[in-house]
Protein backbone atom coordinates (compact mmCIF):
# COMPACT_ATOMS: atom_id res chain seq x y z
CA MET A 1 38.26 -44.45 -25.87
CA SER A 2 38.14 -42.80 -29.27
CA ARG A 3 35.20 -40.59 -30.27
CA ALA A 4 33.76 -43.47 -32.31
CA GLU A 5 34.14 -45.85 -29.36
CA VAL A 6 32.42 -43.37 -27.04
CA ALA A 7 29.55 -42.92 -29.51
CA ALA A 8 29.07 -46.70 -29.77
CA PHE A 9 29.33 -47.10 -25.99
CA LEU A 10 26.69 -44.42 -25.32
CA GLU A 11 24.42 -46.04 -27.89
CA GLU A 12 24.60 -49.45 -26.22
CA GLU A 13 24.32 -48.34 -22.57
CA ARG A 14 21.02 -47.27 -21.04
CA THR A 15 21.50 -45.23 -17.88
CA VAL A 16 23.45 -42.06 -17.14
CA ILE A 17 24.18 -40.93 -13.60
CA CYS A 18 23.72 -37.17 -13.40
CA ALA A 19 25.51 -35.28 -10.62
CA THR A 20 24.35 -31.75 -9.87
CA ILE A 21 25.45 -29.48 -7.03
CA GLY A 22 23.00 -29.30 -4.15
CA ARG A 23 22.27 -26.16 -2.17
CA ASP A 24 24.37 -27.60 0.68
CA GLY A 25 27.35 -28.04 -1.68
CA PHE A 26 27.12 -31.82 -1.79
CA PRO A 27 26.74 -33.68 -5.10
CA HIS A 28 23.22 -34.85 -5.90
CA LEU A 29 23.36 -38.00 -8.05
CA MET A 30 20.39 -39.41 -9.94
CA PRO A 31 19.97 -41.93 -12.77
CA LEU A 32 18.36 -40.85 -16.03
CA TRP A 33 17.41 -42.44 -19.31
CA TYR A 34 18.92 -40.52 -22.21
CA VAL A 35 19.21 -40.13 -25.95
CA VAL A 36 22.12 -38.80 -27.97
CA ARG A 37 21.32 -35.92 -30.33
CA ASP A 38 24.14 -34.60 -32.52
CA GLY A 39 26.71 -35.99 -30.10
CA GLU A 40 25.09 -34.51 -26.95
CA LEU A 41 23.21 -36.35 -24.25
CA TRP A 42 19.62 -35.24 -23.61
CA ALA A 43 17.25 -36.38 -20.85
CA TRP A 44 13.91 -35.35 -19.47
CA THR A 45 12.81 -35.04 -15.87
CA PHE A 46 10.12 -33.44 -13.75
CA ALA A 47 10.44 -29.65 -13.65
CA LYS A 48 10.10 -29.61 -9.85
CA SER A 49 12.78 -32.26 -9.26
CA GLN A 50 15.77 -31.52 -7.05
CA LYS A 51 18.18 -31.86 -9.98
CA VAL A 52 16.32 -29.12 -11.89
CA ARG A 53 16.33 -26.85 -8.83
CA ASN A 54 20.07 -27.45 -8.54
CA LEU A 55 20.61 -26.72 -12.24
CA GLU A 56 18.60 -23.50 -11.98
CA ARG A 57 21.13 -22.34 -9.34
CA ASP A 58 24.21 -23.76 -11.07
CA ALA A 59 23.88 -25.06 -14.63
CA ARG A 60 26.80 -27.49 -14.37
CA ALA A 61 26.56 -31.25 -14.17
CA THR A 62 28.88 -34.21 -14.33
CA LEU A 63 27.56 -37.30 -16.10
CA GLU A 64 28.79 -40.86 -15.86
CA VAL A 65 27.86 -43.80 -18.02
CA GLU A 66 29.64 -46.99 -17.04
CA ALA A 67 29.58 -50.66 -17.78
CA GLY A 68 30.78 -52.85 -14.99
CA GLY A 69 32.26 -56.23 -15.57
CA ALA A 70 32.71 -59.39 -13.60
CA ASP A 71 36.25 -58.22 -12.87
CA TYR A 72 38.37 -55.06 -12.92
CA GLY A 73 39.63 -55.77 -16.43
CA GLN A 74 36.13 -55.37 -17.85
CA LEU A 75 35.34 -51.87 -16.49
CA ARG A 76 34.67 -49.11 -19.00
CA GLY A 77 32.92 -45.79 -18.97
CA VAL A 78 32.63 -42.14 -19.86
CA MET A 79 32.54 -39.10 -17.59
CA LEU A 80 31.35 -35.82 -19.10
CA LYS A 81 31.61 -32.38 -17.49
CA CYS A 82 28.72 -30.39 -18.94
CA ASP A 83 26.93 -27.08 -19.09
CA VAL A 84 23.21 -27.82 -18.97
CA THR A 85 20.47 -26.00 -20.85
CA ILE A 86 16.96 -26.47 -19.51
CA HIS A 87 14.29 -26.50 -22.24
CA ARG A 88 10.71 -25.84 -21.12
CA ASP A 89 8.71 -25.64 -24.38
CA THR A 90 6.06 -28.35 -23.99
CA ASP A 91 6.21 -29.46 -27.63
CA ASP A 92 10.00 -29.83 -27.45
CA VAL A 93 9.77 -31.69 -24.14
CA ALA A 94 7.10 -34.02 -25.55
CA ALA A 95 9.21 -34.74 -28.65
CA LEU A 96 12.17 -35.63 -26.43
CA GLY A 97 9.99 -37.81 -24.19
CA LEU A 98 8.75 -39.73 -27.22
CA GLU A 99 12.32 -40.12 -28.50
CA ILE A 100 13.40 -41.51 -25.12
CA PHE A 101 10.51 -43.98 -24.95
CA GLU A 102 11.17 -45.07 -28.54
CA ARG A 103 14.77 -45.86 -27.56
CA TYR A 104 13.80 -47.75 -24.40
CA ARG A 105 10.78 -49.54 -25.85
CA ALA A 106 10.36 -53.16 -24.73
CA GLY A 107 11.48 -55.36 -27.60
CA GLY A 108 14.02 -52.82 -28.86
CA PRO A 109 13.93 -49.34 -30.37
CA GLY A 110 10.89 -48.45 -32.43
CA PRO A 111 7.54 -46.68 -32.41
CA VAL A 112 5.77 -46.48 -29.06
CA ARG A 113 2.26 -47.77 -28.39
CA ASP A 114 -0.61 -45.29 -28.36
CA ASP A 115 -0.98 -45.54 -24.57
CA VAL A 116 2.70 -44.69 -24.07
CA ARG A 117 2.38 -41.75 -26.48
CA ALA A 118 -0.64 -40.49 -24.51
CA MET A 119 1.29 -40.82 -21.21
CA VAL A 120 4.26 -38.86 -22.59
CA LEU A 121 1.98 -36.10 -23.88
CA ARG A 122 0.19 -35.91 -20.49
CA GLN A 123 3.50 -35.66 -18.61
CA ALA A 124 5.24 -33.18 -20.94
CA PRO A 125 3.74 -30.02 -19.34
CA LYS A 126 5.19 -31.11 -15.97
CA ARG A 127 8.63 -31.95 -17.34
CA VAL A 128 11.69 -30.25 -18.83
CA ALA A 129 14.28 -31.36 -21.34
CA LEU A 130 17.91 -31.28 -20.24
CA GLN A 131 20.58 -30.69 -22.89
CA PHE A 132 24.06 -31.60 -21.68
CA GLY A 133 26.68 -29.52 -23.51
CA GLU A 134 30.02 -31.25 -23.06
CA ARG A 135 32.97 -29.21 -21.74
CA SER A 136 35.34 -32.09 -21.24
CA ARG A 137 35.44 -35.85 -20.95
CA ALA A 138 37.35 -38.71 -19.41
CA THR A 139 37.01 -42.29 -20.61
CA TRP A 140 38.28 -45.67 -19.53
CA ASP A 141 38.22 -49.15 -21.01
CA HIS A 142 40.06 -51.62 -18.81
CA ARG A 143 39.73 -54.29 -21.49
CA LYS A 144 42.50 -52.35 -23.24
CA LEU A 145 44.69 -52.58 -20.13
CA ALA A 146 44.53 -56.34 -20.22
CA ALA A 147 45.35 -56.30 -23.94
CA GLY A 148 48.25 -53.89 -23.45
CA VAL A 149 46.63 -51.24 -25.70
CA TYR A 150 47.09 -48.27 -23.34
């Protein structure tokens, strides 16, 4: 996929699978909601989560966003190898949380309700923001295989 195709794909999809390296050396995979800021994926999670503990030991992650299809010819996705920065400033974490909930709001992107805003602000001190700095990427779009584009 081209850069523009990847940007559009990440905008339309909703879940990223984040793989970190566990203490035992095995991958630890977890789904996250995300936003794209200046071409980078950002997510928030609880500061005491296993993925954060893993990232504190080894700040590398592999991300996958994929869209399955009814058949092989519809598969497409993006895999990103990333260096992860953990942000702990509560105001920054709250701003990211609000941005995420605005993106995932029922009825489409837009301002969140007051109760959702209050929930995000209550949770922010217990959470961190994860900034995924891309090192490399791999993409696939099997619709292009069927069309003979590759």
